[in-house]
Amino acid sequence: MKIGVLTDAETASGYRIAGLEAVTATPADAQARLLEMIQSNQYALVAVDESLLPDPNKATERAMRGR
């Protein structure tokens, strides 16, 4: 299992250099990208840039209930 970071394209490089898997998104598609990350079952932990999703817990409640 991996650690994934949902972030903007500008910041993603720094996370990749640190050895994390960075998934890029814009505020418009961040929730969909986060749900894709959760449903992929590839990540033990997903960190989310708050500028993309101010409340990631609320954004993922429904997806997490099904687990």
N, C-alpha and C. Protein backbone atom coordinates (compact mmCIF):
# COMPACT_ATOMS: atom_id res chain seq x y z
N MET A 1 0.84 -1.17 0.00
CA MET A 1 0.00 0.00 0.00
C MET A 1 0.89 1.25 0.00
N LYS A 2 0.34 2.29 -0.58
CA LYS A 2 1.11 3.52 -0.76
C LYS A 2 0.48 4.67 0.02
N ILE A 3 1.24 5.74 0.11
CA ILE A 3 0.73 7.01 0.62
C ILE A 3 0.52 7.90 -0.60
N GLY A 4 -0.68 8.43 -0.74
CA GLY A 4 -0.99 9.30 -1.87
C GLY A 4 -1.31 10.70 -1.39
N VAL A 5 -1.02 11.66 -2.22
CA VAL A 5 -1.31 13.06 -1.92
C VAL A 5 -2.11 13.63 -3.09
N LEU A 6 -3.26 14.19 -2.77
CA LEU A 6 -4.07 14.88 -3.77
C LEU A 6 -3.71 16.35 -3.68
N THR A 7 -3.13 16.87 -4.75
CA THR A 7 -2.60 18.23 -4.71
C THR A 7 -2.68 18.88 -6.08
N ASP A 8 -2.30 20.13 -6.15
CA ASP A 8 -2.28 20.83 -7.43
C ASP A 8 -1.00 20.47 -8.19
N ALA A 9 -1.01 20.74 -9.48
CA ALA A 9 0.12 20.37 -10.33
C ALA A 9 1.42 21.04 -9.92
N GLU A 10 1.31 22.25 -9.42
CA GLU A 10 2.50 23.02 -9.02
C GLU A 10 3.23 22.38 -7.83
N THR A 11 2.50 21.81 -6.91
CA THR A 11 3.07 21.25 -5.68
C THR A 11 3.43 19.78 -5.81
N ALA A 12 2.88 19.11 -6.78
CA ALA A 12 3.04 17.66 -6.92
C ALA A 12 4.50 17.22 -7.00
N SER A 13 5.33 17.97 -7.67
CA SER A 13 6.74 17.59 -7.84
C SER A 13 7.45 17.40 -6.51
N GLY A 14 7.19 18.28 -5.57
CA GLY A 14 7.83 18.18 -4.26
C GLY A 14 7.46 16.90 -3.53
N TYR A 15 6.20 16.51 -3.62
CA TYR A 15 5.77 15.27 -2.99
C TYR A 15 6.39 14.06 -3.67
N ARG A 16 6.49 14.12 -4.99
CA ARG A 16 7.11 13.00 -5.72
C ARG A 16 8.58 12.86 -5.37
N ILE A 17 9.27 13.98 -5.23
CA ILE A 17 10.69 13.95 -4.84
C ILE A 17 10.83 13.31 -3.46
N ALA A 18 9.84 13.53 -2.59
CA ALA A 18 9.87 12.96 -1.24
C ALA A 18 9.48 11.49 -1.22
N GLY A 19 9.14 10.93 -2.39
CA GLY A 19 8.82 9.52 -2.47
C GLY A 19 7.35 9.17 -2.34
N LEU A 20 6.50 10.18 -2.34
CA LEU A 20 5.06 9.94 -2.25
C LEU A 20 4.44 9.95 -3.63
N GLU A 21 3.31 9.32 -3.77
CA GLU A 21 2.60 9.36 -5.04
C GLU A 21 1.66 10.55 -5.03
N ALA A 22 1.85 11.46 -5.95
CA ALA A 22 1.04 12.67 -6.03
C ALA A 22 0.05 12.54 -7.18
N VAL A 23 -1.21 12.81 -6.88
CA VAL A 23 -2.27 12.84 -7.88
C VAL A 23 -2.69 14.29 -8.00
N THR A 24 -2.69 14.80 -9.21
CA THR A 24 -3.00 16.22 -9.40
C THR A 24 -4.49 16.42 -9.67
N ALA A 25 -4.97 17.57 -9.23
CA ALA A 25 -6.37 17.93 -9.43
C ALA A 25 -6.51 19.44 -9.40
N THR A 26 -7.65 19.89 -9.86
CA THR A 26 -8.04 21.29 -9.73
C THR A 26 -9.20 21.32 -8.72
N PRO A 27 -9.54 22.48 -8.20
CA PRO A 27 -10.69 22.53 -7.28
C PRO A 27 -11.97 21.97 -7.91
N ALA A 28 -12.12 22.11 -9.22
CA ALA A 28 -13.33 21.64 -9.89
C ALA A 28 -13.44 20.12 -9.94
N ASP A 29 -12.31 19.41 -10.01
CA ASP A 29 -12.38 17.95 -10.09
C ASP A 29 -11.77 17.23 -8.90
N ALA A 30 -11.44 17.95 -7.85
CA ALA A 30 -10.77 17.36 -6.70
C ALA A 30 -11.60 16.28 -6.01
N GLN A 31 -12.88 16.50 -5.83
CA GLN A 31 -13.70 15.51 -5.15
C GLN A 31 -13.76 14.20 -5.94
N ALA A 32 -13.92 14.30 -7.24
CA ALA A 32 -13.96 13.10 -8.08
C ALA A 32 -12.62 12.36 -8.04
N ARG A 33 -11.53 13.10 -8.09
CA ARG A 33 -10.20 12.46 -8.04
C ARG A 33 -9.96 11.78 -6.69
N LEU A 34 -10.41 12.42 -5.61
CA LEU A 34 -10.27 11.82 -4.28
C LEU A 34 -11.06 10.53 -4.19
N LEU A 35 -12.27 10.53 -4.70
CA LEU A 35 -13.08 9.30 -4.67
C LEU A 35 -12.43 8.20 -5.50
N GLU A 36 -11.82 8.55 -6.63
CA GLU A 36 -11.10 7.56 -7.43
C GLU A 36 -9.95 6.96 -6.63
N MET A 37 -9.23 7.80 -5.89
CA MET A 37 -8.11 7.31 -5.08
C MET A 37 -8.61 6.34 -4.01
N ILE A 38 -9.70 6.68 -3.35
CA ILE A 38 -10.25 5.83 -2.30
C ILE A 38 -10.71 4.50 -2.88
N GLN A 39 -11.44 4.55 -3.97
CA GLN A 39 -12.01 3.34 -4.56
C GLN A 39 -10.96 2.44 -5.21
N SER A 40 -9.80 2.97 -5.49
CA SER A 40 -8.75 2.16 -6.11
C SER A 40 -8.14 1.15 -5.14
N ASN A 41 -8.30 1.37 -3.85
CA ASN A 41 -7.72 0.49 -2.81
C ASN A 41 -6.20 0.37 -2.92
N GLN A 42 -5.54 1.35 -3.48
CA GLN A 42 -4.09 1.34 -3.61
C GLN A 42 -3.39 2.10 -2.49
N TYR A 43 -4.15 2.88 -1.71
CA TYR A 43 -3.53 3.78 -0.75
C TYR A 43 -3.91 3.43 0.68
N ALA A 44 -2.90 3.39 1.54
CA ALA A 44 -3.15 3.20 2.97
C ALA A 44 -3.53 4.54 3.60
N LEU A 45 -3.04 5.62 3.01
CA LEU A 45 -3.29 6.97 3.52
C LEU A 45 -3.36 7.92 2.33
N VAL A 46 -4.34 8.83 2.37
CA VAL A 46 -4.46 9.86 1.34
C VAL A 46 -4.47 11.21 2.04
N ALA A 47 -3.49 12.04 1.70
CA ALA A 47 -3.44 13.41 2.21
C ALA A 47 -4.04 14.32 1.14
N VAL A 48 -4.76 15.35 1.58
CA VAL A 48 -5.45 16.23 0.64
C VAL A 48 -5.05 17.69 0.91
N ASP A 49 -4.68 18.38 -0.14
CA ASP A 49 -4.37 19.81 -0.06
C ASP A 49 -5.68 20.56 0.21
N GLU A 50 -5.72 21.30 1.31
CA GLU A 50 -6.95 21.99 1.71
C GLU A 50 -7.38 23.07 0.72
N SER A 51 -6.48 23.54 -0.11
CA SER A 51 -6.90 24.53 -1.11
C SER A 51 -7.77 23.89 -2.19
N LEU A 52 -7.69 22.57 -2.33
CA LEU A 52 -8.52 21.85 -3.29
C LEU A 52 -9.86 21.45 -2.69
N LEU A 53 -9.81 20.92 -1.48
CA LEU A 53 -11.02 20.47 -0.77
C LEU A 53 -10.91 20.92 0.67
N PRO A 54 -11.60 21.97 1.05
CA PRO A 54 -11.49 22.49 2.42
C PRO A 54 -11.90 21.48 3.50
N ASP A 55 -12.84 20.58 3.19
CA ASP A 55 -13.28 19.58 4.17
C ASP A 55 -13.30 18.20 3.53
N PRO A 56 -12.13 17.56 3.40
CA PRO A 56 -12.08 16.26 2.73
C PRO A 56 -12.87 15.18 3.45
N ASN A 57 -13.00 15.28 4.78
CA ASN A 57 -13.78 14.28 5.51
C ASN A 57 -15.23 14.29 5.04
N LYS A 58 -15.80 15.45 4.94
CA LYS A 58 -17.18 15.57 4.49
C LYS A 58 -17.32 15.09 3.04
N ALA A 59 -16.34 15.40 2.24
CA ALA A 59 -16.38 15.03 0.82
C ALA A 59 -16.34 13.53 0.61
N THR A 60 -15.81 12.78 1.57
CA THR A 60 -15.65 11.33 1.40
C THR A 60 -16.54 10.49 2.30
N GLU A 61 -17.39 11.10 3.09
CA GLU A 61 -18.24 10.35 4.02
C GLU A 61 -18.99 9.22 3.34
N ARG A 62 -19.67 9.50 2.27
CA ARG A 62 -20.48 8.49 1.60
C ARG A 62 -19.62 7.35 1.08
N ALA A 63 -18.47 7.66 0.49
CA ALA A 63 -17.60 6.62 -0.06
C ALA A 63 -17.04 5.73 1.06
N MET A 64 -16.73 6.31 2.19
CA MET A 64 -16.14 5.56 3.29
C MET A 64 -17.17 4.69 4.01
N ARG A 65 -18.42 5.07 4.01
CA ARG A 65 -19.47 4.27 4.67
C ARG A 65 -19.61 2.91 4.00
N GLY A 66 -19.37 2.86 2.71
CA GLY A 66 -19.52 1.61 1.99
C GLY A 66 -18.39 0.62 2.19
N ARG A 67 -17.39 0.97 2.94
CA ARG A 67 -16.22 0.10 3.15
C ARG A 67 -16.40 -0.76 4.36
